[in-house]
Amino acid sequence: MKIATSSSSAQRTLHLRADHSTDIDKAAKILQDGGLVAMPTETVYGLAANALDEKAVAGIFAAKMRPGWDPLIVHVSDMAMLSRVVREVPTAALMLMEKFWPGPLTLLLPRHPNLSATVTAGRELVGVRMPAHKTPQELIRRSGLPLAAPSANLFGHVSPTTVAHVLADLDGRIDAVLDAGPTEIGVESTVLDPVARVLYRQGGVSRGQIEAVLNKPVTVYHQREDVTKPAARPESLPSPGVGIRHYAPKANVMLVHTQADMNDLLLHVTPEHTGVMLPKGWTASGWSGNVFAWELWSDPASLARTLYIGLRSLDEKGVRTIVCPLPASSEEPLVEAIRDRLLKAARDA
């Protein structure tokens, strides 16, 4: 396993292909040997390591420069593997697994004694999910390991949805990346404590869908402070994915509600320092600055899939501000996920 301070001082990360069976075997062997592999899931690319190997898990934190108070999510391929990660599966969790697994739902469950507390940042609950993407399913199966896998990016950067995003952050810092093309969903999984019925992160499974299965209300957790600030930092976060600035680009994000609001705002900003997330069909009257051609405003799945691509693209152009429309609240899961990410990204650092 390689952990380097810069790509210039280390061998470049091995680029493997998910459509090559021998490459999946290579990735599985790296994981069995305690190494780090960025893998695709249906949500975003994750940085995987053997969840039962404390040294390998520590490598994730080092490669990402992720603080130890931010817990990880563990990925499993079947219920037998789940029993190696969690101590018990409550009835509420079983009901949700039957409906949404495999898929973009992470459940907080009692940690198995054999699972290092490093994975959970010292908490007694571990976030676990069963990915729907065939590549991580096969990688987990061939390695025979539950895989701890937060997003495959440097801490505080926008999550990666392509191999180019992964390599921009982690080339030379990890052993390999397994390439299956752009991710399908584009935003991270929903995270839920099924017993306390607390929704810690919005994702591809909505609050309403969860409540329909449990037939009980679910509370949405709100992180009030930016935990990247030392004064606000807790001993550990209660769940993966609750950091305020976790989803923010380098540029400041300014949100608008309508095309008219956007055009009014663009009259008062400097074009060379500003980028716009512009949905198809919208016009930015007289705008001469940077634009990312976003997807149709009526297509939440496409908007979610390209959200991080757009934010990263505008960041790469060096803009200081990104103007972005905010969808109106909806029962559609991906609309709520987009709103969650943008509202967090727009909060003051």
Protein backbone atom coordinates (compact mmCIF):
# COMPACT_ATOMS: atom_id res chain seq x y z
CA MET A 1 0.00 0.00 0.00
CA LYS A 2 1.36 3.41 -0.97
CA ILE A 3 0.67 6.61 0.91
CA ALA A 4 2.55 9.54 -0.61
CA THR A 5 2.55 13.22 0.18
CA SER A 6 2.61 14.10 -3.51
CA SER A 7 2.27 12.26 -6.82
CA SER A 8 5.74 13.42 -7.86
CA SER A 9 7.33 11.33 -5.10
CA ALA A 10 5.42 8.11 -5.79
CA GLN A 11 4.54 5.71 -8.54
CA ARG A 12 1.35 6.70 -10.35
CA THR A 13 -1.86 4.95 -9.40
CA LEU A 14 -2.57 1.79 -11.41
CA HIS A 15 -5.50 2.31 -13.81
CA LEU A 16 -7.56 -0.90 -14.05
CA ARG A 17 -10.60 -1.67 -16.21
CA ALA A 18 -13.81 -3.04 -14.71
CA ASP A 19 -14.66 -4.79 -17.97
CA HIS A 20 -11.44 -6.86 -17.74
CA SER A 21 -11.85 -9.86 -15.41
CA THR A 22 -8.09 -10.04 -14.78
CA ASP A 23 -8.10 -6.39 -13.67
CA ILE A 24 -10.83 -7.08 -11.12
CA ASP A 25 -8.67 -9.96 -9.83
CA LYS A 26 -5.71 -7.55 -9.56
CA ALA A 27 -7.84 -5.10 -7.58
CA ALA A 28 -9.07 -7.88 -5.28
CA LYS A 29 -5.48 -9.00 -4.63
CA ILE A 30 -4.43 -5.43 -3.77
CA LEU A 31 -7.24 -5.26 -1.21
CA GLN A 32 -6.33 -8.66 0.26
CA ASP A 33 -2.76 -7.40 0.65
CA GLY A 34 -3.91 -4.34 2.60
CA GLY A 35 -3.89 -1.84 -0.26
CA LEU A 36 -6.25 0.89 -1.43
CA VAL A 37 -8.44 0.71 -4.55
CA ALA A 38 -10.84 3.37 -5.79
CA MET A 39 -13.94 1.58 -7.04
CA PRO A 40 -17.11 2.70 -8.79
CA THR A 41 -20.50 2.35 -7.16
CA GLU A 42 -23.89 3.48 -8.45
CA THR A 43 -23.55 6.66 -6.34
CA VAL A 44 -19.95 7.97 -6.48
CA TYR A 45 -16.48 6.43 -6.63
CA GLY A 46 -15.38 5.08 -3.24
CA LEU A 47 -11.88 4.51 -1.83
CA ALA A 48 -11.93 0.89 -0.70
CA ALA A 49 -9.84 -1.05 1.81
CA ASN A 50 -10.31 -4.17 3.90
CA ALA A 51 -12.68 -3.04 6.66
CA LEU A 52 -11.32 -5.76 8.99
CA ASP A 53 -7.67 -4.62 8.62
CA GLU A 54 -7.03 -1.65 10.91
CA LYS A 55 -3.82 -0.68 9.10
CA ALA A 56 -5.61 -0.69 5.74
CA VAL A 57 -8.43 1.42 7.18
CA ALA A 58 -5.85 3.88 8.55
CA GLY A 59 -4.52 4.08 5.00
CA ILE A 60 -7.86 5.44 3.79
CA PHE A 61 -7.71 8.29 6.32
CA ALA A 62 -4.08 9.04 5.37
CA ALA A 63 -4.64 8.98 1.61
CA LYS A 64 -7.72 11.23 1.81
CA MET A 65 -6.23 13.40 4.58
CA ARG A 66 -9.52 12.66 6.33
CA PRO A 67 -9.75 13.37 10.08
CA GLY A 68 -10.30 10.39 12.35
CA TRP A 69 -13.53 11.87 13.74
CA ASP A 70 -15.33 11.33 10.41
CA PRO A 71 -16.63 7.71 10.22
CA LEU A 72 -16.59 5.46 7.15
CA ILE A 73 -19.22 3.37 5.36
CA VAL A 74 -18.66 -0.37 4.91
CA HIS A 75 -19.81 -2.14 1.73
CA VAL A 76 -20.91 -5.80 1.74
CA SER A 77 -22.08 -8.22 -0.95
CA ASP A 78 -24.46 -10.47 1.02
CA MET A 79 -26.02 -11.11 4.43
CA ALA A 80 -23.29 -13.57 5.45
CA MET A 81 -20.70 -10.83 5.00
CA LEU A 82 -22.92 -8.39 6.89
CA SER A 83 -22.68 -10.68 9.94
CA ARG A 84 -18.89 -10.06 9.98
CA VAL A 85 -19.48 -6.31 10.26
CA VAL A 86 -22.51 -5.87 12.52
CA ARG A 87 -23.49 -7.48 15.81
CA GLU A 88 -27.22 -7.65 15.08
CA VAL A 89 -29.76 -6.53 12.50
CA PRO A 90 -32.85 -4.88 14.00
CA THR A 91 -36.26 -5.63 12.52
CA ALA A 92 -36.59 -2.12 11.08
CA ALA A 93 -33.30 -2.58 9.25
CA LEU A 94 -34.41 -5.93 7.81
CA MET A 95 -37.59 -4.34 6.47
CA LEU A 96 -35.57 -1.64 4.71
CA MET A 97 -33.00 -4.12 3.36
CA GLU A 98 -35.76 -6.19 1.80
CA LYS A 99 -37.05 -3.11 -0.01
CA PHE A 100 -33.91 -1.13 -0.90
CA TRP A 101 -30.88 -3.47 -0.90
CA PRO A 102 -28.87 -3.66 -3.00
CA GLY A 103 -29.05 0.07 -3.57
CA PRO A 104 -28.17 3.59 -2.36
CA LEU A 105 -29.24 3.19 1.28
CA THR A 106 -26.71 3.11 4.13
CA LEU A 107 -27.99 1.84 7.49
CA LEU A 108 -26.38 2.56 10.86
CA LEU A 109 -26.21 -0.75 12.74
CA PRO A 110 -24.50 -2.06 15.91
CA ARG A 111 -20.78 -2.59 15.23
CA HIS A 112 -19.39 -6.13 15.42
CA PRO A 113 -16.65 -6.45 18.10
CA ASN A 114 -14.19 -7.61 15.41
CA LEU A 115 -14.65 -4.42 13.41
CA SER A 116 -12.14 -1.76 14.36
CA ALA A 117 -13.58 1.33 16.04
CA THR A 118 -11.36 3.30 13.65
CA VAL A 119 -13.98 2.61 10.97
CA THR A 120 -16.74 4.19 13.07
CA ALA A 121 -14.66 7.01 14.61
CA GLY A 122 -15.21 5.35 17.98
CA ARG A 123 -19.00 5.11 17.64
CA GLU A 124 -20.93 1.91 18.36
CA LEU A 125 -22.93 2.13 15.13
CA VAL A 126 -21.39 1.40 11.73
CA GLY A 127 -22.78 2.58 8.41
CA VAL A 128 -23.29 -0.37 6.05
CA ARG A 129 -24.69 -0.70 2.57
CA MET A 130 -24.93 -3.24 -0.24
CA PRO A 131 -24.12 -1.50 -3.55
CA ALA A 132 -26.27 -2.21 -6.60
CA HIS A 133 -23.42 -1.65 -9.09
CA LYS A 134 -22.11 -4.95 -10.46
CA THR A 135 -18.43 -3.92 -10.26
CA PRO A 136 -18.20 -3.41 -6.47
CA GLN A 137 -20.38 -6.48 -5.99
CA GLU A 138 -17.88 -8.55 -7.96
CA LEU A 139 -14.86 -6.91 -6.33
CA ILE A 140 -16.23 -7.63 -2.84
CA ARG A 141 -17.04 -11.21 -3.82
CA ARG A 142 -13.61 -11.91 -5.32
CA SER A 143 -11.73 -10.29 -2.45
CA GLY A 144 -13.93 -12.03 0.13
CA LEU A 145 -13.79 -8.84 2.21
CA PRO A 146 -16.21 -6.22 3.52
CA LEU A 147 -14.84 -2.97 2.15
CA ALA A 148 -14.68 0.33 4.00
CA ALA A 149 -15.14 2.92 1.25
CA PRO A 150 -15.77 6.64 1.70
CA SER A 151 -15.74 8.82 -1.41
CA ALA A 152 -12.46 8.60 -3.35
CA ASN A 153 -11.36 12.21 -3.03
CA LEU A 154 -9.29 14.40 -0.74
CA PHE A 155 -11.18 15.43 2.39
CA GLY A 156 -13.28 18.52 1.80
CA HIS A 157 -13.29 18.21 -2.00
CA VAL A 158 -16.35 17.51 -4.13
CA SER A 159 -17.05 13.78 -4.41
CA PRO A 160 -15.80 12.00 -7.56
CA THR A 161 -18.12 10.57 -10.18
CA THR A 162 -15.46 9.78 -12.82
CA VAL A 163 -11.99 8.25 -12.80
CA ALA A 164 -10.59 11.64 -13.85
CA HIS A 165 -11.99 13.11 -10.62
CA VAL A 166 -10.38 10.34 -8.57
CA LEU A 167 -6.98 10.77 -10.18
CA ALA A 168 -7.12 14.56 -9.89
CA ASP A 169 -7.16 14.11 -6.10
CA LEU A 170 -5.48 10.78 -5.39
CA ASP A 171 -3.07 9.87 -8.21
CA GLY A 172 0.06 8.54 -6.51
CA ARG A 173 -1.64 8.36 -3.12
CA ILE A 174 -3.49 5.05 -3.69
CA ASP A 175 -2.62 1.75 -5.32
CA ALA A 176 -5.24 1.49 -8.06
CA VAL A 177 -8.49 2.79 -9.50
CA LEU A 178 -11.01 0.44 -11.10
CA ASP A 179 -12.62 2.24 -14.04
CA ALA A 180 -16.27 1.55 -14.96
CA GLY A 181 -17.03 4.96 -16.45
CA PRO A 182 -19.13 7.73 -14.89
CA THR A 183 -21.36 6.77 -11.96
CA GLU A 184 -25.08 6.39 -12.55
CA ILE A 185 -26.65 8.33 -9.66
CA GLY A 186 -23.95 10.93 -9.02
CA VAL A 187 -24.70 11.77 -5.37
CA GLU A 188 -23.94 9.78 -2.25
CA SER A 189 -26.23 7.25 -0.59
CA THR A 190 -29.01 8.01 1.87
CA VAL A 191 -27.80 7.42 5.45
CA LEU A 192 -30.33 6.35 8.12
CA ASP A 193 -30.39 5.14 11.71
CA PRO A 194 -33.32 2.70 11.35
CA VAL A 195 -33.92 2.30 15.09
CA ALA A 196 -33.79 5.98 16.10
CA ARG A 197 -35.38 6.79 12.71
CA VAL A 198 -32.97 9.66 12.04
CA LEU A 199 -32.10 10.51 8.45
CA TYR A 200 -28.50 11.76 8.42
CA ARG A 201 -28.09 12.27 4.68
CA GLN A 202 -30.51 12.56 1.77
CA GLY A 203 -29.76 10.34 -1.22
CA GLY A 204 -31.33 8.00 -3.75
CA VAL A 205 -33.87 6.69 -1.21
CA SER A 206 -36.19 9.37 0.14
CA ARG A 207 -37.56 10.08 3.59
CA GLY A 208 -41.05 9.38 2.27
CA GLN A 209 -40.04 5.99 0.88
CA ILE A 210 -38.48 5.04 4.21
CA GLU A 211 -41.52 6.17 6.19
CA ALA A 212 -43.77 4.13 3.88
CA VAL A 213 -41.81 0.96 4.74
CA LEU A 214 -41.50 1.60 8.49
CA ASN A 215 -44.98 3.14 8.81
CA LYS A 216 -43.45 5.59 11.27
CA PRO A 217 -42.12 9.16 10.98
CA VAL A 218 -38.45 9.85 10.29
CA THR A 219 -36.54 12.90 11.58
CA VAL A 220 -34.01 14.71 9.39
CA TYR A 221 -30.73 15.47 11.17
CA HIS A 222 -29.32 18.99 10.79
CA GLN A 223 -25.63 19.65 11.51
CA ARG A 224 -25.66 23.19 12.88
CA GLU A 225 -21.92 23.86 12.83
CA ASP A 226 -19.20 23.44 10.25
CA VAL A 227 -17.19 20.67 11.91
CA THR A 228 -14.10 21.50 9.84
CA LYS A 229 -13.69 24.46 12.19
CA PRO A 230 -11.73 23.40 15.31
CA ALA A 231 -14.01 25.32 17.65
CA ALA A 232 -17.04 23.36 16.44
CA ARG A 233 -15.40 19.95 16.10
CA PRO A 234 -17.05 17.10 18.04
CA GLU A 235 -15.25 14.09 19.44
CA SER A 236 -16.63 12.25 16.41
CA LEU A 237 -19.46 12.74 13.95
CA PRO A 238 -22.64 10.74 14.65
CA SER A 239 -22.74 9.42 11.08
CA PRO A 240 -20.90 9.48 7.76
CA GLY A 241 -21.89 12.31 5.45
CA VAL A 242 -23.03 15.04 7.84
CA GLY A 243 -20.20 17.56 7.45
CA ILE A 244 -21.45 20.96 6.26
CA ARG A 245 -18.58 21.69 3.85
CA HIS A 246 -18.10 18.11 2.66
CA TYR A 247 -19.94 18.82 -0.60
CA ALA A 248 -18.64 22.31 -1.34
CA PRO A 249 -16.42 23.26 -4.29
CA LYS A 250 -13.50 25.63 -3.79
CA ALA A 251 -15.58 28.50 -5.19
CA ASN A 252 -18.33 30.14 -3.18
CA VAL A 253 -21.80 28.88 -4.14
CA MET A 254 -24.66 31.33 -4.59
CA LEU A 255 -28.13 29.78 -4.99
CA VAL A 256 -31.06 31.16 -6.98
CA HIS A 257 -34.64 29.91 -7.29
CA THR A 258 -35.67 31.04 -10.76
CA GLN A 259 -34.18 31.98 -14.12
CA ALA A 260 -35.19 35.60 -13.50
CA ASP A 261 -33.38 35.58 -10.13
CA MET A 262 -30.30 34.17 -11.83
CA ASN A 263 -30.24 36.81 -14.56
CA ASP A 264 -30.70 39.57 -12.01
CA LEU A 265 -27.80 38.25 -9.92
CA LEU A 266 -25.54 37.95 -12.97
CA LEU A 267 -25.87 41.69 -13.54
CA HIS A 268 -24.02 42.28 -10.27
CA VAL A 269 -21.07 39.86 -10.49
CA THR A 270 -17.76 39.87 -12.37
CA PRO A 271 -17.96 37.49 -15.39
CA GLU A 272 -14.29 36.46 -15.36
CA HIS A 273 -14.58 35.36 -11.71
CA THR A 274 -18.02 33.71 -11.90
CA GLY A 275 -19.37 30.44 -13.27
CA VAL A 276 -22.98 29.39 -13.84
CA MET A 277 -24.62 25.97 -13.54
CA LEU A 278 -27.07 26.56 -16.41
CA PRO A 279 -29.86 24.01 -16.96
CA LYS A 280 -30.81 23.15 -20.54
CA GLY A 281 -33.58 25.47 -21.73
CA TRP A 282 -32.51 28.29 -19.42
CA THR A 283 -30.83 31.40 -20.83
CA ALA A 284 -28.28 33.67 -19.19
CA SER A 285 -29.03 36.92 -20.98
CA GLY A 286 -25.87 38.66 -22.13
CA TRP A 287 -23.66 36.49 -19.92
CA SER A 288 -20.03 36.27 -21.07
CA GLY A 289 -18.58 34.27 -18.16
CA ASN A 290 -18.06 30.55 -17.64
CA VAL A 291 -21.02 28.20 -18.03
CA PHE A 292 -21.54 24.53 -17.29
CA ALA A 293 -24.31 23.16 -19.50
CA TRP A 294 -26.35 21.33 -16.85
CA GLU A 295 -29.20 18.94 -17.71
CA LEU A 296 -32.93 19.53 -18.14
CA TRP A 297 -34.52 21.16 -15.08
CA SER A 298 -37.33 18.61 -15.33
CA ASP A 299 -34.94 15.62 -15.16
CA PRO A 300 -33.71 15.19 -11.55
CA ALA A 301 -31.79 11.99 -12.34
CA SER A 302 -29.68 13.73 -14.98
CA LEU A 303 -29.22 16.82 -12.80
CA ALA A 304 -27.94 14.65 -9.92
CA ARG A 305 -25.68 12.58 -12.16
CA THR A 306 -23.91 15.70 -13.46
CA LEU A 307 -24.04 17.95 -10.36
CA TYR A 308 -20.52 17.18 -9.14
CA ILE A 309 -19.16 17.10 -12.68
CA GLY A 310 -20.37 20.67 -13.12
CA LEU A 311 -19.06 21.96 -9.78
CA ARG A 312 -15.66 20.40 -10.42
CA SER A 313 -15.57 21.72 -13.99
CA LEU A 314 -16.19 25.30 -12.89
CA ASP A 315 -13.68 24.96 -10.06
CA GLU A 316 -11.06 23.87 -12.60
CA LYS A 317 -11.68 27.08 -14.54
CA GLY A 318 -10.65 29.05 -11.47
CA VAL A 319 -13.90 30.87 -10.79
CA ARG A 320 -14.40 32.40 -7.36
CA THR A 321 -18.19 32.13 -7.35
CA ILE A 322 -20.61 29.57 -8.78
CA VAL A 323 -24.21 30.64 -9.36
CA CYS A 324 -26.51 27.62 -9.22
CA PRO A 325 -30.30 27.15 -9.33
CA LEU A 326 -31.84 25.33 -6.35
CA PRO A 327 -34.73 22.96 -7.16
CA ALA A 328 -37.94 23.42 -5.19
CA SER A 329 -38.55 20.84 -2.47
CA SER A 330 -40.16 17.67 -3.77
CA GLU A 331 -40.99 14.08 -2.84
CA GLU A 332 -38.60 12.99 -5.59
CA PRO A 333 -35.56 11.47 -3.77
CA LEU A 334 -32.91 12.94 -6.06
CA VAL A 335 -34.41 16.43 -5.89
CA GLU A 336 -34.03 16.31 -2.11
CA ALA A 337 -30.48 14.96 -2.47
CA ILE A 338 -29.55 17.81 -4.83
CA ARG A 339 -31.08 20.37 -2.47
CA ASP A 340 -29.19 18.86 0.47
CA ARG A 341 -25.82 19.05 -1.30
CA LEU A 342 -26.34 22.56 -2.65
CA LEU A 343 -27.67 24.01 0.61
CA LYS A 344 -24.64 22.60 2.44
CA ALA A 345 -22.25 23.80 -0.27
CA ALA A 346 -23.67 27.33 -0.08
CA ARG A 347 -23.26 27.68 3.67
CA ASP A 348 -20.50 29.98 4.88
CA ALA A 349 -17.18 28.24 5.51
